Amino acid sequence: MLSLNIQRLLNLTRNPVIVELGACDGSETVAMFMCCYVGKPRIVSFEPDPRNAERCRSRQPASVEFHTAAVGNVTGKAPFHLASPDVNGAIGSSSLSEFKDLTASFPWCKQMGTVDVDCWRLDDFCETHQVPYIDLLFADVQGAELLVVEGAQRILKSTRYLWTEFEGRYAGNAGTLYKDSCSLEEIKSALPGDWTILETWGGDALLVNNVCTGNPNQPISFGLHFSI
């Protein structure tokens, strides 16, 4: 579910450019699309788990640029670590990052081997596909956050807002879920430029780039109620 602040951000941004990493079943792609009231959004969506690809394609609006690929710190092929579905059948725990002991916190989650997937550094993708700036980077990458940031140092300078997960969402699991899991402060420290944490909820956070460059859209603040 999108936070109220993300909904308002998209409500108030004209022709927003949204890049979604880890679309899972496509439900949040649809939710973000429905929040774009002003102009025409450009949504670029990635989902590397082949078990989710067809569901995403059938659910997402036709204008969404969908890619069956991961985003990390390499461009080419990369091993993708598969996880079993959750108790509701959703497939959302697979990752570019190797697993640690997920079953200690989530007994239903089993490792199911690896599959080679297409992978992009976000800087390479944006240059190749003519994405000069991003209004909202929505990164649901299951412990691979620092890998994404490593491969996106250039485009992050022209990114207004970043939504991300971070380690410690569930009590007692800090540093135990994925090999590359990290804290919110580690993510913030790895970002280029000057970023502020606008709000956190659970293990999710919304950050704003205070010195965003190359983005014609004006920073939006009216009507947003941030808290940390």
C-alpha atoms as a PDB file:
ATOM      1  CA  MET A   1       0.000   0.000   0.000  1.00  0.00           C
ATOM      2  CA  LEU A   2       1.287   3.460  -0.918  1.00  0.00           C
ATOM      3  CA  SER A   3       1.715   5.947   1.905  1.00  0.00           C
ATOM      4  CA  LEU A   4      -0.463   9.055   1.921  1.00  0.00           C
ATOM      5  CA  ASN A   5       2.572  11.211   1.198  1.00  0.00           C
ATOM      6  CA  ILE A   6       3.488   9.228  -1.931  1.00  0.00           C
ATOM      7  CA  GLN A   7      -0.104   9.477  -3.107  1.00  0.00           C
ATOM      8  CA  ARG A   8      -0.122  13.244  -2.604  1.00  0.00           C
ATOM      9  CA  LEU A   9       3.286  13.617  -4.236  1.00  0.00           C
ATOM     10  CA  LEU A  10       2.009  11.885  -7.386  1.00  0.00           C
ATOM     11  CA  ASN A  11      -1.303  13.775  -7.254  1.00  0.00           C
ATOM     12  CA  LEU A  12       0.575  17.089  -7.437  1.00  0.00           C
ATOM     13  CA  THR A  13       3.326  16.292  -9.959  1.00  0.00           C
ATOM     14  CA  ARG A  14       2.743  17.102 -13.625  1.00  0.00           C
ATOM     15  CA  ASN A  15       3.796  14.334 -16.046  1.00  0.00           C
ATOM     16  CA  PRO A  16       5.688  12.390 -13.363  1.00  0.00           C
ATOM     17  CA  VAL A  17       8.475   9.985 -14.263  1.00  0.00           C
ATOM     18  CA  ILE A  18       8.283   6.933 -12.007  1.00  0.00           C
ATOM     19  CA  VAL A  19      10.784   4.080 -11.972  1.00  0.00           C
ATOM     20  CA  GLU A  20       9.619   1.015 -10.045  1.00  0.00           C
ATOM     21  CA  LEU A  21      12.097  -1.686  -9.073  1.00  0.00           C
ATOM     22  CA  GLY A  22      10.483  -4.951  -7.989  1.00  0.00           C
ATOM     23  CA  ALA A  23       6.898  -4.764  -9.278  1.00  0.00           C
ATOM     24  CA  CYS A  24       5.982  -8.171  -7.803  1.00  0.00           C
ATOM     25  CA  ASP A  25       2.363  -8.701  -8.964  1.00  0.00           C
ATOM     26  CA  GLY A  26       1.918  -5.214 -10.449  1.00  0.00           C
ATOM     27  CA  SER A  27      -0.554  -3.968  -7.843  1.00  0.00           C
ATOM     28  CA  GLU A  28       1.578  -1.021  -6.705  1.00  0.00           C
ATOM     29  CA  THR A  29       2.265  -0.080 -10.328  1.00  0.00           C
ATOM     30  CA  VAL A  30      -1.478   0.276 -10.824  1.00  0.00           C
ATOM     31  CA  ALA A  31      -1.840   2.212  -7.569  1.00  0.00           C
ATOM     32  CA  MET A  32       0.848   4.712  -8.591  1.00  0.00           C
ATOM     33  CA  PHE A  33      -0.678   5.110 -12.053  1.00  0.00           C
ATOM     34  CA  MET A  34      -4.069   5.867 -10.497  1.00  0.00           C
ATOM     35  CA  CYS A  35      -2.499   8.604  -8.337  1.00  0.00           C
ATOM     36  CA  CYS A  36      -1.181  10.551 -11.324  1.00  0.00           C
ATOM     37  CA  TYR A  37      -3.836  13.220 -11.821  1.00  0.00           C
ATOM     38  CA  VAL A  38      -1.909  15.921 -13.702  1.00  0.00           C
ATOM     39  CA  GLY A  39      -0.700  15.208 -17.210  1.00  0.00           C
ATOM     40  CA  LYS A  40       0.549  11.840 -18.426  1.00  0.00           C
ATOM     41  CA  PRO A  41       2.879   9.716 -16.267  1.00  0.00           C
ATOM     42  CA  ARG A  42       5.836   7.793 -17.600  1.00  0.00           C
ATOM     43  CA  ILE A  43       6.172   4.615 -15.550  1.00  0.00           C
ATOM     44  CA  VAL A  44       9.116   2.265 -16.058  1.00  0.00           C
ATOM     45  CA  SER A  45       8.624  -0.981 -14.165  1.00  0.00           C
ATOM     46  CA  PHE A  46      11.028  -3.854 -13.467  1.00  0.00           C
ATOM     47  CA  GLU A  47      10.251  -7.344 -12.166  1.00  0.00           C
ATOM     48  CA  PRO A  48      13.024  -9.960 -12.422  1.00  0.00           C
ATOM     49  CA  ASP A  49      11.208 -13.008 -11.018  1.00  0.00           C
ATOM     50  CA  PRO A  50       9.969 -14.922 -14.090  1.00  0.00           C
ATOM     51  CA  ARG A  51       7.055 -16.312 -12.075  1.00  0.00           C
ATOM     52  CA  ASN A  52       5.630 -12.793 -11.726  1.00  0.00           C
ATOM     53  CA  ALA A  53       6.174 -11.487 -15.244  1.00  0.00           C
ATOM     54  CA  GLU A  54       2.906 -12.520 -16.877  1.00  0.00           C
ATOM     55  CA  ARG A  55       0.833 -11.326 -13.927  1.00  0.00           C
ATOM     56  CA  CYS A  56       2.516  -7.917 -14.156  1.00  0.00           C
ATOM     57  CA  ARG A  57       1.941  -7.639 -17.891  1.00  0.00           C
ATOM     58  CA  SER A  58      -1.737  -8.546 -17.621  1.00  0.00           C
ATOM     59  CA  ARG A  59      -2.382  -6.157 -14.747  1.00  0.00           C
ATOM     60  CA  GLN A  60      -0.401  -3.037 -15.565  1.00  0.00           C
ATOM     61  CA  PRO A  61      -1.750  -0.241 -17.809  1.00  0.00           C
ATOM     62  CA  ALA A  62      -0.691  -0.501 -21.453  1.00  0.00           C
ATOM     63  CA  SER A  63       1.426   2.657 -21.209  1.00  0.00           C
ATOM     64  CA  VAL A  64       3.739   1.150 -18.554  1.00  0.00           C
ATOM     65  CA  GLU A  65       7.205   0.285 -19.876  1.00  0.00           C
ATOM     66  CA  PHE A  66       7.647  -3.158 -18.345  1.00  0.00           C
ATOM     67  CA  HIS A  67      10.979  -5.011 -18.200  1.00  0.00           C
ATOM     68  CA  THR A  68      11.560  -8.561 -17.000  1.00  0.00           C
ATOM     69  CA  ALA A  69      14.905  -7.633 -15.477  1.00  0.00           C
ATOM     70  CA  ALA A  70      16.643  -6.813 -12.224  1.00  0.00           C
ATOM     71  CA  VAL A  71      18.367  -3.535 -11.339  1.00  0.00           C
ATOM     72  CA  GLY A  72      21.617  -3.653  -9.409  1.00  0.00           C
ATOM     73  CA  ASN A  73      25.323  -2.906  -9.767  1.00  0.00           C
ATOM     74  CA  VAL A  74      25.989  -4.755 -13.056  1.00  0.00           C
ATOM     75  CA  THR A  75      24.635  -4.593 -16.593  1.00  0.00           C
ATOM     76  CA  GLY A  76      24.332  -8.000 -18.228  1.00  0.00           C
ATOM     77  CA  LYS A  77      23.336 -11.283 -16.633  1.00  0.00           C
ATOM     78  CA  ALA A  78      23.177 -11.804 -12.869  1.00  0.00           C
ATOM     79  CA  PRO A  79      22.156 -14.688 -10.587  1.00  0.00           C
ATOM     80  CA  PHE A  80      18.750 -14.085  -9.018  1.00  0.00           C
ATOM     81  CA  HIS A  81      17.926 -15.947  -5.804  1.00  0.00           C
ATOM     82  CA  LEU A  82      14.420 -17.409  -5.792  1.00  0.00           C
ATOM     83  CA  ALA A  83      12.209 -17.664  -2.727  1.00  0.00           C
ATOM     84  CA  SER A  84       9.023 -19.653  -2.183  1.00  0.00           C
ATOM     85  CA  PRO A  85       5.622 -17.890  -2.212  1.00  0.00           C
ATOM     86  CA  ASP A  86       4.278 -16.536   1.056  1.00  0.00           C
ATOM     87  CA  VAL A  87       1.232 -17.956   2.835  1.00  0.00           C
ATOM     88  CA  ASN A  88      -1.060 -15.965   0.514  1.00  0.00           C
ATOM     89  CA  GLY A  89       0.692 -17.164  -2.629  1.00  0.00           C
ATOM     90  CA  ALA A  90       2.522 -13.911  -3.336  1.00  0.00           C
ATOM     91  CA  ILE A  91       6.053 -14.196  -4.744  1.00  0.00           C
ATOM     92  CA  GLY A  92       7.893 -11.222  -3.303  1.00  0.00           C
ATOM     93  CA  SER A  93      10.968 -12.325  -1.344  1.00  0.00           C
ATOM     94  CA  SER A  94      13.359 -13.235  -4.179  1.00  0.00           C
ATOM     95  CA  SER A  95      16.444 -11.047  -4.536  1.00  0.00           C
ATOM     96  CA  LEU A  96      19.690 -10.257  -6.303  1.00  0.00           C
ATOM     97  CA  SER A  97      21.202 -10.546  -2.843  1.00  0.00           C
ATOM     98  CA  GLU A  98      21.983 -13.954  -1.420  1.00  0.00           C
ATOM     99  CA  PHE A  99      19.775 -15.127   1.411  1.00  0.00           C
ATOM    100  CA  LYS A 100      20.824 -15.441   4.978  1.00  0.00           C
ATOM    101  CA  ASP A 101      18.487 -17.348   7.312  1.00  0.00           C
ATOM    102  CA  LEU A 102      15.106 -15.986   6.272  1.00  0.00           C
ATOM    103  CA  THR A 103      13.332 -18.967   7.817  1.00  0.00           C
ATOM    104  CA  ALA A 104      14.273 -17.761  11.301  1.00  0.00           C
ATOM    105  CA  SER A 105      11.876 -14.830  10.815  1.00  0.00           C
ATOM    106  CA  PHE A 106       9.637 -16.301   8.107  1.00  0.00           C
ATOM    107  CA  PRO A 107       9.221 -20.096   8.452  1.00  0.00           C
ATOM    108  CA  TRP A 108       7.271 -20.268   5.183  1.00  0.00           C
ATOM    109  CA  CYS A 109      10.137 -18.766   3.155  1.00  0.00           C
ATOM    110  CA  LYS A 110      12.302 -21.399   1.484  1.00  0.00           C
ATOM    111  CA  GLN A 111      15.229 -20.905  -0.860  1.00  0.00           C
ATOM    112  CA  MET A 112      14.467 -22.338  -4.307  1.00  0.00           C
ATOM    113  CA  GLY A 113      17.777 -22.003  -6.120  1.00  0.00           C
ATOM    114  CA  THR A 114      18.922 -19.347  -8.556  1.00  0.00           C
ATOM    115  CA  VAL A 115      18.143 -18.315 -12.106  1.00  0.00           C
ATOM    116  CA  ASP A 116      20.178 -16.060 -14.384  1.00  0.00           C
ATOM    117  CA  VAL A 117      18.242 -12.885 -15.244  1.00  0.00           C
ATOM    118  CA  ASP A 118      18.879  -9.758 -17.260  1.00  0.00           C
ATOM    119  CA  CYS A 119      20.229  -7.008 -15.028  1.00  0.00           C
ATOM    120  CA  TRP A 120      20.812  -3.289 -15.476  1.00  0.00           C
ATOM    121  CA  ARG A 121      22.771  -0.636 -13.674  1.00  0.00           C
ATOM    122  CA  LEU A 122      20.146   2.089 -13.483  1.00  0.00           C
ATOM    123  CA  ASP A 123      22.613   4.622 -14.888  1.00  0.00           C
ATOM    124  CA  ASP A 124      23.111   2.436 -17.971  1.00  0.00           C
ATOM    125  CA  PHE A 125      19.397   1.822 -18.397  1.00  0.00           C
ATOM    126  CA  CYS A 126      18.464   5.489 -18.127  1.00  0.00           C
ATOM    127  CA  GLU A 127      21.109   6.486 -20.654  1.00  0.00           C
ATOM    128  CA  THR A 128      20.052   3.751 -23.093  1.00  0.00           C
ATOM    129  CA  HIS A 129      16.302   4.363 -22.718  1.00  0.00           C
ATOM    130  CA  GLN A 130      16.411   8.167 -22.497  1.00  0.00           C
ATOM    131  CA  VAL A 131      15.320   8.662 -18.903  1.00  0.00           C
ATOM    132  CA  PRO A 132      17.016  11.990 -18.052  1.00  0.00           C
ATOM    133  CA  TYR A 133      15.420  12.401 -14.618  1.00  0.00           C
ATOM    134  CA  ILE A 134      13.144  10.577 -12.154  1.00  0.00           C
ATOM    135  CA  ASP A 135      10.431  12.065  -9.955  1.00  0.00           C
ATOM    136  CA  LEU A 136       9.946   8.931  -7.845  1.00  0.00           C
ATOM    137  CA  LEU A 137      12.275   5.946  -7.636  1.00  0.00           C
ATOM    138  CA  PHE A 138      10.292   3.183  -5.927  1.00  0.00           C
ATOM    139  CA  ALA A 139      12.756   0.457  -4.916  1.00  0.00           C
ATOM    140  CA  ASP A 140      11.313  -2.771  -3.515  1.00  0.00           C
ATOM    141  CA  VAL A 141      14.424  -4.894  -4.012  1.00  0.00           C
ATOM    142  CA  GLN A 142      14.579  -7.156  -0.959  1.00  0.00           C
ATOM    143  CA  GLY A 143      18.006  -6.458   0.519  1.00  0.00           C
ATOM    144  CA  ALA A 144      19.668  -5.286  -2.706  1.00  0.00           C
ATOM    145  CA  GLU A 145      19.277  -1.575  -1.949  1.00  0.00           C
ATOM    146  CA  LEU A 146      23.003  -0.786  -1.854  1.00  0.00           C
ATOM    147  CA  LEU A 147      23.524  -2.657  -5.126  1.00  0.00           C
ATOM    148  CA  VAL A 148      20.917  -0.419  -6.754  1.00  0.00           C
ATOM    149  CA  VAL A 149      22.479   2.743  -5.334  1.00  0.00           C
ATOM    150  CA  GLU A 150      25.948   1.665  -6.468  1.00  0.00           C
ATOM    151  CA  GLY A 151      24.717   1.381 -10.060  1.00  0.00           C
ATOM    152  CA  ALA A 152      22.677   4.602 -10.011  1.00  0.00           C
ATOM    153  CA  GLN A 153      25.068   7.307  -8.810  1.00  0.00           C
ATOM    154  CA  ARG A 154      24.492   9.514 -11.850  1.00  0.00           C
ATOM    155  CA  ILE A 155      20.690   9.297 -12.203  1.00  0.00           C
ATOM    156  CA  LEU A 156      20.178   9.661  -8.451  1.00  0.00           C
ATOM    157  CA  LYS A 157      21.500  13.216  -8.741  1.00  0.00           C
ATOM    158  CA  SER A 158      18.460  13.906 -10.956  1.00  0.00           C
ATOM    159  CA  THR A 159      15.978  11.953  -8.827  1.00  0.00           C
ATOM    160  CA  ARG A 160      13.573  13.915  -6.630  1.00  0.00           C
ATOM    161  CA  TYR A 161      12.227  11.248  -4.279  1.00  0.00           C
ATOM    162  CA  LEU A 162      13.324   7.746  -3.283  1.00  0.00           C
ATOM    163  CA  TRP A 163      11.123   5.169  -1.595  1.00  0.00           C
ATOM    164  CA  THR A 164      13.070   2.217  -0.214  1.00  0.00           C
ATOM    165  CA  GLU A 165      12.965  -0.634   2.256  1.00  0.00           C
ATOM    166  CA  PHE A 166      15.687  -1.091   4.844  1.00  0.00           C
ATOM    167  CA  GLU A 167      16.768  -3.780   7.288  1.00  0.00           C
ATOM    168  CA  GLY A 168      15.089  -4.081  10.668  1.00  0.00           C
ATOM    169  CA  ARG A 169      11.466  -4.104   9.547  1.00  0.00           C
ATOM    170  CA  TYR A 170      10.671  -6.967  11.876  1.00  0.00           C
ATOM    171  CA  ALA A 171      11.921  -7.193  15.440  1.00  0.00           C
ATOM    172  CA  GLY A 172      15.008  -9.338  15.857  1.00  0.00           C
ATOM    173  CA  ASN A 173      15.933  -9.665  12.179  1.00  0.00           C
ATOM    174  CA  ALA A 174      18.417  -6.799  11.814  1.00  0.00           C
ATOM    175  CA  GLY A 175      21.151  -7.942   9.443  1.00  0.00           C
ATOM    176  CA  THR A 176      19.825 -11.494   9.136  1.00  0.00           C
ATOM    177  CA  LEU A 177      17.674 -11.627   6.005  1.00  0.00           C
ATOM    178  CA  TYR A 178      19.941 -10.987   3.008  1.00  0.00           C
ATOM    179  CA  LYS A 179      23.697 -10.821   2.518  1.00  0.00           C
ATOM    180  CA  ASP A 180      23.505  -7.190   1.363  1.00  0.00           C
ATOM    181  CA  SER A 181      20.821  -5.998   3.805  1.00  0.00           C
ATOM    182  CA  CYS A 182      21.548  -2.579   5.256  1.00  0.00           C
ATOM    183  CA  SER A 183      20.208   0.102   7.557  1.00  0.00           C
ATOM    184  CA  LEU A 184      18.493   3.290   6.405  1.00  0.00           C
ATOM    185  CA  GLU A 185      21.506   5.336   7.464  1.00  0.00           C
ATOM    186  CA  GLU A 186      23.757   3.165   5.286  1.00  0.00           C
ATOM    187  CA  ILE A 187      21.475   3.775   2.314  1.00  0.00           C
ATOM    188  CA  LYS A 188      21.377   7.520   2.963  1.00  0.00           C
ATOM    189  CA  SER A 189      25.179   7.670   3.280  1.00  0.00           C
ATOM    190  CA  ALA A 190      25.593   5.918  -0.085  1.00  0.00           C
ATOM    191  CA  LEU A 191      23.335   8.356  -1.955  1.00  0.00           C
ATOM    192  CA  PRO A 192      25.096  11.109  -3.948  1.00  0.00           C
ATOM    193  CA  GLY A 193      24.410  14.655  -2.831  1.00  0.00           C
ATOM    194  CA  ASP A 194      22.230  15.832   0.031  1.00  0.00           C
ATOM    195  CA  TRP A 195      19.171  13.779   0.982  1.00  0.00           C
ATOM    196  CA  THR A 196      16.665  14.085   3.829  1.00  0.00           C
ATOM    197  CA  ILE A 197      14.618  11.274   5.350  1.00  0.00           C
ATOM    198  CA  LEU A 198      11.052  12.591   5.143  1.00  0.00           C
ATOM    199  CA  GLU A 199       9.240   9.719   6.805  1.00  0.00           C
ATOM    200  CA  THR A 200       9.619   6.128   7.891  1.00  0.00           C
ATOM    201  CA  TRP A 201       7.021   3.488   8.585  1.00  0.00           C
ATOM    202  CA  GLY A 202       8.015  -0.025   9.576  1.00  0.00           C
ATOM    203  CA  GLY A 203      10.990  -0.863   7.398  1.00  0.00           C
ATOM    204  CA  ASP A 204      10.035   1.573   4.623  1.00  0.00           C
ATOM    205  CA  ALA A 205      11.261   5.122   4.087  1.00  0.00           C
ATOM    206  CA  LEU A 206      10.722   8.106   1.813  1.00  0.00           C
ATOM    207  CA  LEU A 207      13.678  10.403   1.126  1.00  0.00           C
ATOM    208  CA  VAL A 208      13.950  13.679  -0.798  1.00  0.00           C
ATOM    209  CA  ASN A 209      16.908  14.978  -2.794  1.00  0.00           C
ATOM    210  CA  ASN A 210      17.631  18.505  -1.600  1.00  0.00           C
ATOM    211  CA  VAL A 211      19.833  19.395  -4.572  1.00  0.00           C
ATOM    212  CA  CYS A 212      18.107  17.590  -7.436  1.00  0.00           C
ATOM    213  CA  THR A 213      19.631  18.601 -10.796  1.00  0.00           C
ATOM    214  CA  GLY A 214      18.440  18.265 -14.369  1.00  0.00           C
ATOM    215  CA  ASN A 215      14.777  17.767 -13.412  1.00  0.00           C
ATOM    216  CA  PRO A 216      12.311  20.367 -14.787  1.00  0.00           C
ATOM    217  CA  ASN A 217       9.580  19.514 -12.279  1.00  0.00           C
ATOM    218  CA  GLN A 218       9.411  21.799  -9.283  1.00  0.00           C
ATOM    219  CA  PRO A 219       9.782  20.292  -5.800  1.00  0.00           C
ATOM    220  CA  ILE A 220       6.386  19.593  -4.298  1.00  0.00           C
ATOM    221  CA  SER A 221       5.736  20.417  -0.654  1.00  0.00           C
ATOM    222  CA  PHE A 222       2.243  21.916  -0.441  1.00  0.00           C
ATOM    223  CA  GLY A 223      -0.157  19.543   1.267  1.00  0.00           C
ATOM    224  CA  LEU A 224       2.451  16.962   2.267  1.00  0.00           C
ATOM    225  CA  HIS A 225       2.724  16.107   5.943  1.00  0.00           C
ATOM    226  CA  PHE A 226       6.024  14.416   6.651  1.00  0.00           C
ATOM    227  CA  SER A 227       7.155  12.921   9.927  1.00  0.00           C
ATOM    228  CA  ILE A 228      10.086  10.783  10.995  1.00  0.00           C
END
